[in-house]
Structure formats: structure tokens, C-alpha cells
Amino acid sequence: MVAMIDKLEAGQIVSRARFVKGTTWRSLADAIDKPVVWTTAALLGQHALTSDDAWRIGEILELGDDVVEAMQVQPYRGSGTQQIPTDPTIYRFYEALDVYGPALKELIHEEFGDGIMSAINFNVEIERREDPKGDRVVVTLDGKFLDYNW
């Protein structure tokens, strides 16, 4: 029996295959009828795909069985590091949450009560909005409110 490759390695293979094929993340999401941000995260190793979805992506990108199988495994979510990332795009999300996180927390508690926004029952969208001062990146985080029950 051959050892299965891990999800992050599979994600790198998927990313490279997508680039080589000239395929967009959105077209892959459309092929499995899933949201583009969720699909991209899944294909990079942060979610498990169903067997049908994994095999469909494998077919489109001409991936090996080992990659298709790895896409179906439950992941260890997150980056796995305790360091703040140095990639400028990812770092800016950390910076935004560092600056605005406490205010968002206060506003969530004020509006909803004692609880949290779920990142499990969660949707995220990204869009481009034209602006005369420079196009804007609009990221919408849409999580279910979970109250603390004591």
C-alpha cells in the first residue's frame, strides 16, 4: 500500500495543475457547484471534498489518484504555525483583525449578546468594487452567531 500524500502537498499540486492548465479557481468552483472562496480553501487543503467533487476536480486538472484521495481527507485546519505570516496579503488580514478585532468583538457582544461568530457555519465572499481612488477589495465574513450557554 502506498502512503497517502498530505493535504497541503495535494494543495500545492492542485495549485500548480490549475496554473499549468490556465484554469481559474472560479471555474473549478463552478464545476462542483460550490462557493469560490470555500472551493479555493478546500483545494488548498483546508476542507474535505466529497468523493464526487474530488474526482471531478481530478478529472479537470488531470490529477493522480493520490491527490484526489488526499482532497477527501479531513484536514488539520489553519496554518499550523504560531508566527504571524510574512506574505503581505495574508499579513494584512492579521493587521486588520489586530486593529479592528477588539472593536468587532465589542460590537458583536453589544448587538447579539455573549457569544461568538462561528467559523464552522460560515460563508465568505470576495468581490472587486470599482472606485475612482483605486479599486476596492470587499471581503464579507458571514458567520452564524453562537451564544455561550452556561
C-alpha atoms as a PDB file:
ATOM      1  CA  MET A   1       0.000   0.000   0.000  1.00  0.00           C
ATOM      2  CA  VAL A   2       1.349   3.414  -0.969  1.00  0.00           C
ATOM      3  CA  ALA A   3       1.281   6.146   1.682  1.00  0.00           C
ATOM      4  CA  MET A   4      -1.193   8.949   1.043  1.00  0.00           C
ATOM      5  CA  ILE A   5       0.208  12.397   0.396  1.00  0.00           C
ATOM      6  CA  ASP A   6      -0.866  15.059   2.874  1.00  0.00           C
ATOM      7  CA  LYS A   7      -3.476  17.699   2.123  1.00  0.00           C
ATOM      8  CA  LEU A   8      -1.040  20.612   1.946  1.00  0.00           C
ATOM      9  CA  GLU A   9       1.139  18.780  -0.575  1.00  0.00           C
ATOM     10  CA  ALA A  10      -2.015  17.904  -2.532  1.00  0.00           C
ATOM     11  CA  GLY A  11      -2.974  21.594  -2.402  1.00  0.00           C
ATOM     12  CA  GLN A  12       0.355  22.568  -3.933  1.00  0.00           C
ATOM     13  CA  ILE A  13      -0.124  20.006  -6.705  1.00  0.00           C
ATOM     14  CA  VAL A  14      -3.664  21.285  -7.362  1.00  0.00           C
ATOM     15  CA  SER A  15      -2.457  24.890  -7.449  1.00  0.00           C
ATOM     16  CA  ARG A  16       0.328  24.056  -9.876  1.00  0.00           C
ATOM     17  CA  ALA A  17      -2.003  21.981 -12.099  1.00  0.00           C
ATOM     18  CA  ARG A  18      -4.562  24.808 -12.129  1.00  0.00           C
ATOM     19  CA  PHE A  19      -1.873  27.262 -13.215  1.00  0.00           C
ATOM     20  CA  VAL A  20      -0.482  24.977 -15.915  1.00  0.00           C
ATOM     21  CA  LYS A  21      -3.980  24.320 -17.302  1.00  0.00           C
ATOM     22  CA  GLY A  22      -4.849  28.036 -17.217  1.00  0.00           C
ATOM     23  CA  THR A  23      -7.955  27.248 -15.169  1.00  0.00           C
ATOM     24  CA  THR A  24      -9.413  29.704 -12.665  1.00  0.00           C
ATOM     25  CA  TRP A  25     -10.437  28.916  -9.103  1.00  0.00           C
ATOM     26  CA  ARG A  26     -13.914  30.188 -10.001  1.00  0.00           C
ATOM     27  CA  SER A  27     -14.251  27.724 -12.888  1.00  0.00           C
ATOM     28  CA  LEU A  28     -13.281  24.878 -10.553  1.00  0.00           C
ATOM     29  CA  ALA A  29     -15.853  26.067  -8.013  1.00  0.00           C
ATOM     30  CA  ASP A  30     -18.485  26.252 -10.743  1.00  0.00           C
ATOM     31  CA  ALA A  31     -17.603  22.710 -11.851  1.00  0.00           C
ATOM     32  CA  ILE A  32     -18.544  21.352  -8.425  1.00  0.00           C
ATOM     33  CA  ASP A  33     -21.272  23.940  -7.729  1.00  0.00           C
ATOM     34  CA  LYS A  34     -19.636  25.319  -4.571  1.00  0.00           C
ATOM     35  CA  PRO A  35     -18.725  28.886  -3.469  1.00  0.00           C
ATOM     36  CA  VAL A  36     -15.412  30.067  -4.913  1.00  0.00           C
ATOM     37  CA  VAL A  37     -13.750  31.004  -1.604  1.00  0.00           C
ATOM     38  CA  TRP A  38     -14.750  27.709   0.040  1.00  0.00           C
ATOM     39  CA  THR A  39     -13.588  25.736  -3.010  1.00  0.00           C
ATOM     40  CA  THR A  40     -10.246  27.525  -3.173  1.00  0.00           C
ATOM     41  CA  ALA A  41      -9.643  26.897   0.539  1.00  0.00           C
ATOM     42  CA  ALA A  42     -10.671  23.247   0.112  1.00  0.00           C
ATOM     43  CA  LEU A  43      -8.380  22.722  -2.861  1.00  0.00           C
ATOM     44  CA  LEU A  44      -5.511  24.265  -0.900  1.00  0.00           C
ATOM     45  CA  GLY A  45      -6.119  21.731   1.883  1.00  0.00           C
ATOM     46  CA  GLN A  46      -8.425  23.448   4.396  1.00  0.00           C
ATOM     47  CA  HIS A  47     -11.624  21.416   3.800  1.00  0.00           C
ATOM     48  CA  ALA A  48     -12.512  17.904   2.698  1.00  0.00           C
ATOM     49  CA  LEU A  49     -14.224  17.431  -0.658  1.00  0.00           C
ATOM     50  CA  THR A  50     -16.843  14.783  -1.305  1.00  0.00           C
ATOM     51  CA  SER A  51     -15.691  11.869  -3.391  1.00  0.00           C
ATOM     52  CA  ASP A  52     -17.681  13.085  -6.409  1.00  0.00           C
ATOM     53  CA  ASP A  53     -16.273  16.609  -6.146  1.00  0.00           C
ATOM     54  CA  ALA A  54     -12.701  15.403  -5.657  1.00  0.00           C
ATOM     55  CA  TRP A  55     -12.901  13.086  -8.662  1.00  0.00           C
ATOM     56  CA  ARG A  56     -14.451  15.889 -10.785  1.00  0.00           C
ATOM     57  CA  ILE A  57     -11.572  18.244  -9.916  1.00  0.00           C
ATOM     58  CA  GLY A  58      -9.113  15.416 -10.526  1.00  0.00           C
ATOM     59  CA  GLU A  59     -10.589  14.869 -13.961  1.00  0.00           C
ATOM     60  CA  ILE A  60     -10.466  18.570 -14.884  1.00  0.00           C
ATOM     61  CA  LEU A  61      -6.878  19.024 -13.680  1.00  0.00           C
ATOM     62  CA  GLU A  62      -5.694  15.528 -14.681  1.00  0.00           C
ATOM     63  CA  LEU A  63      -4.583  14.715 -11.128  1.00  0.00           C
ATOM     64  CA  GLY A  64      -3.335  11.403  -9.816  1.00  0.00           C
ATOM     65  CA  ASP A  65      -5.445   9.175  -7.584  1.00  0.00           C
ATOM     66  CA  ASP A  66      -3.220  10.054  -4.601  1.00  0.00           C
ATOM     67  CA  VAL A  67      -4.128  13.754  -4.907  1.00  0.00           C
ATOM     68  CA  VAL A  68      -7.834  13.008  -5.404  1.00  0.00           C
ATOM     69  CA  GLU A  69      -7.823  10.799  -2.307  1.00  0.00           C
ATOM     70  CA  ALA A  70      -5.980  13.421  -0.236  1.00  0.00           C
ATOM     71  CA  MET A  71      -8.619  16.035  -1.163  1.00  0.00           C
ATOM     72  CA  GLN A  72     -11.236  13.854   0.586  1.00  0.00           C
ATOM     73  CA  VAL A  73      -9.425  13.574   3.936  1.00  0.00           C
ATOM     74  CA  GLN A  74     -10.460  15.731   6.896  1.00  0.00           C
ATOM     75  CA  PRO A  75      -7.798  18.416   7.370  1.00  0.00           C
ATOM     76  CA  TYR A  76      -5.979  19.972  10.258  1.00  0.00           C
ATOM     77  CA  ARG A  77      -7.254  23.493   9.666  1.00  0.00           C
ATOM     78  CA  GLY A  78      -5.204  26.665   9.888  1.00  0.00           C
ATOM     79  CA  SER A  79      -1.627  27.365   9.013  1.00  0.00           C
ATOM     80  CA  GLY A  80      -0.136  25.193  11.743  1.00  0.00           C
ATOM     81  CA  THR A  81       2.238  27.945  12.765  1.00  0.00           C
ATOM     82  CA  GLN A  82       2.244  30.302  15.697  1.00  0.00           C
ATOM     83  CA  GLN A  83       4.043  33.016  13.745  1.00  0.00           C
ATOM     84  CA  ILE A  84       2.398  35.939  12.026  1.00  0.00           C
ATOM     85  CA  PRO A  85       2.762  35.242   8.298  1.00  0.00           C
ATOM     86  CA  THR A  86       5.069  37.405   6.240  1.00  0.00           C
ATOM     87  CA  ASP A  87       3.101  37.168   2.979  1.00  0.00           C
ATOM     88  CA  PRO A  88       1.824  40.759   2.534  1.00  0.00           C
ATOM     89  CA  THR A  89      -1.754  39.808   1.596  1.00  0.00           C
ATOM     90  CA  ILE A  90      -2.223  37.366   4.469  1.00  0.00           C
ATOM     91  CA  TYR A  91      -0.421  39.689   6.886  1.00  0.00           C
ATOM     92  CA  ARG A  92      -2.900  42.484   6.069  1.00  0.00           C
ATOM     93  CA  PHE A  93      -5.754  40.285   7.276  1.00  0.00           C
ATOM     94  CA  TYR A  94      -3.861  39.766  10.536  1.00  0.00           C
ATOM     95  CA  GLU A  95      -3.219  43.511  10.720  1.00  0.00           C
ATOM     96  CA  ALA A  96      -6.909  44.311  10.092  1.00  0.00           C
ATOM     97  CA  LEU A  97      -8.022  41.891  12.812  1.00  0.00           C
ATOM     98  CA  ASP A  98      -5.335  43.178  15.182  1.00  0.00           C
ATOM     99  CA  VAL A  99      -6.614  46.740  14.730  1.00  0.00           C
ATOM    100  CA  TYR A 100     -10.350  46.114  14.373  1.00  0.00           C
ATOM    101  CA  GLY A 101     -10.801  42.742  16.128  1.00  0.00           C
ATOM    102  CA  PRO A 102     -11.450  44.172  19.613  1.00  0.00           C
ATOM    103  CA  ALA A 103     -13.975  46.645  18.185  1.00  0.00           C
ATOM    104  CA  LEU A 104     -15.732  43.890  16.208  1.00  0.00           C
ATOM    105  CA  LYS A 105     -15.858  41.745  19.342  1.00  0.00           C
ATOM    106  CA  GLU A 106     -17.434  44.583  21.339  1.00  0.00           C
ATOM    107  CA  LEU A 107     -19.966  45.285  18.593  1.00  0.00           C
ATOM    108  CA  ILE A 108     -20.914  41.610  18.283  1.00  0.00           C
ATOM    109  CA  HIS A 109     -21.492  41.436  22.056  1.00  0.00           C
ATOM    110  CA  GLU A 110     -23.467  44.678  22.017  1.00  0.00           C
ATOM    111  CA  GLU A 111     -25.684  43.564  19.133  1.00  0.00           C
ATOM    112  CA  PHE A 112     -26.048  39.827  19.873  1.00  0.00           C
ATOM    113  CA  GLY A 113     -25.023  39.246  23.488  1.00  0.00           C
ATOM    114  CA  ASP A 114     -22.367  36.969  24.932  1.00  0.00           C
ATOM    115  CA  GLY A 115     -21.188  34.670  22.153  1.00  0.00           C
ATOM    116  CA  ILE A 116     -19.073  34.299  19.043  1.00  0.00           C
ATOM    117  CA  MET A 117     -19.297  34.270  15.274  1.00  0.00           C
ATOM    118  CA  SER A 118     -18.959  30.710  14.032  1.00  0.00           C
ATOM    119  CA  ALA A 119     -16.198  29.889  11.591  1.00  0.00           C
ATOM    120  CA  ILE A 120     -17.725  26.444  11.063  1.00  0.00           C
ATOM    121  CA  ASN A 121     -21.207  27.561   9.983  1.00  0.00           C
ATOM    122  CA  PHE A 122     -19.612  30.246   7.834  1.00  0.00           C
ATOM    123  CA  ASN A 123     -19.637  31.865   4.429  1.00  0.00           C
ATOM    124  CA  VAL A 124     -17.050  34.178   2.949  1.00  0.00           C
ATOM    125  CA  GLU A 125     -17.259  36.134  -0.272  1.00  0.00           C
ATOM    126  CA  ILE A 126     -14.759  38.310  -2.121  1.00  0.00           C
ATOM    127  CA  GLU A 127     -15.527  40.852  -4.797  1.00  0.00           C
ATOM    128  CA  ARG A 128     -13.946  43.750  -6.634  1.00  0.00           C
ATOM    129  CA  ARG A 129     -15.626  47.144  -6.355  1.00  0.00           C
ATOM    130  CA  GLU A 130     -14.529  49.887  -8.723  1.00  0.00           C
ATOM    131  CA  ASP A 131     -13.580  53.161  -7.074  1.00  0.00           C
ATOM    132  CA  PRO A 132     -12.106  56.306  -8.665  1.00  0.00           C
ATOM    133  CA  LYS A 133      -9.392  56.343  -5.973  1.00  0.00           C
ATOM    134  CA  GLY A 134      -8.427  52.733  -6.709  1.00  0.00           C
ATOM    135  CA  ASP A 135     -10.432  49.534  -6.888  1.00  0.00           C
ATOM    136  CA  ARG A 136     -11.555  48.110  -3.549  1.00  0.00           C
ATOM    137  CA  VAL A 137     -11.357  44.564  -2.244  1.00  0.00           C
ATOM    138  CA  VAL A 138     -14.627  43.686  -0.488  1.00  0.00           C
ATOM    139  CA  VAL A 139     -14.467  40.694   1.830  1.00  0.00           C
ATOM    140  CA  THR A 140     -17.681  39.597   3.519  1.00  0.00           C
ATOM    141  CA  LEU A 141     -17.451  37.278   6.519  1.00  0.00           C
ATOM    142  CA  ASP A 142     -20.847  35.730   7.263  1.00  0.00           C
ATOM    143  CA  GLY A 143     -20.876  33.514  10.347  1.00  0.00           C
ATOM    144  CA  LYS A 144     -23.700  32.180  12.460  1.00  0.00           C
ATOM    145  CA  PHE A 145     -23.915  33.679  15.955  1.00  0.00           C
ATOM    146  CA  LEU A 146     -23.317  31.099  18.683  1.00  0.00           C
ATOM    147  CA  ASP A 147     -24.248  32.207  22.169  1.00  0.00           C
ATOM    148  CA  TYR A 148     -22.408  30.954  25.210  1.00  0.00           C
ATOM    149  CA  ASN A 149     -24.624  28.598  27.176  1.00  0.00           C
ATOM    150  CA  TRP A 150     -23.559  28.040  30.756  1.00  0.00           C
END
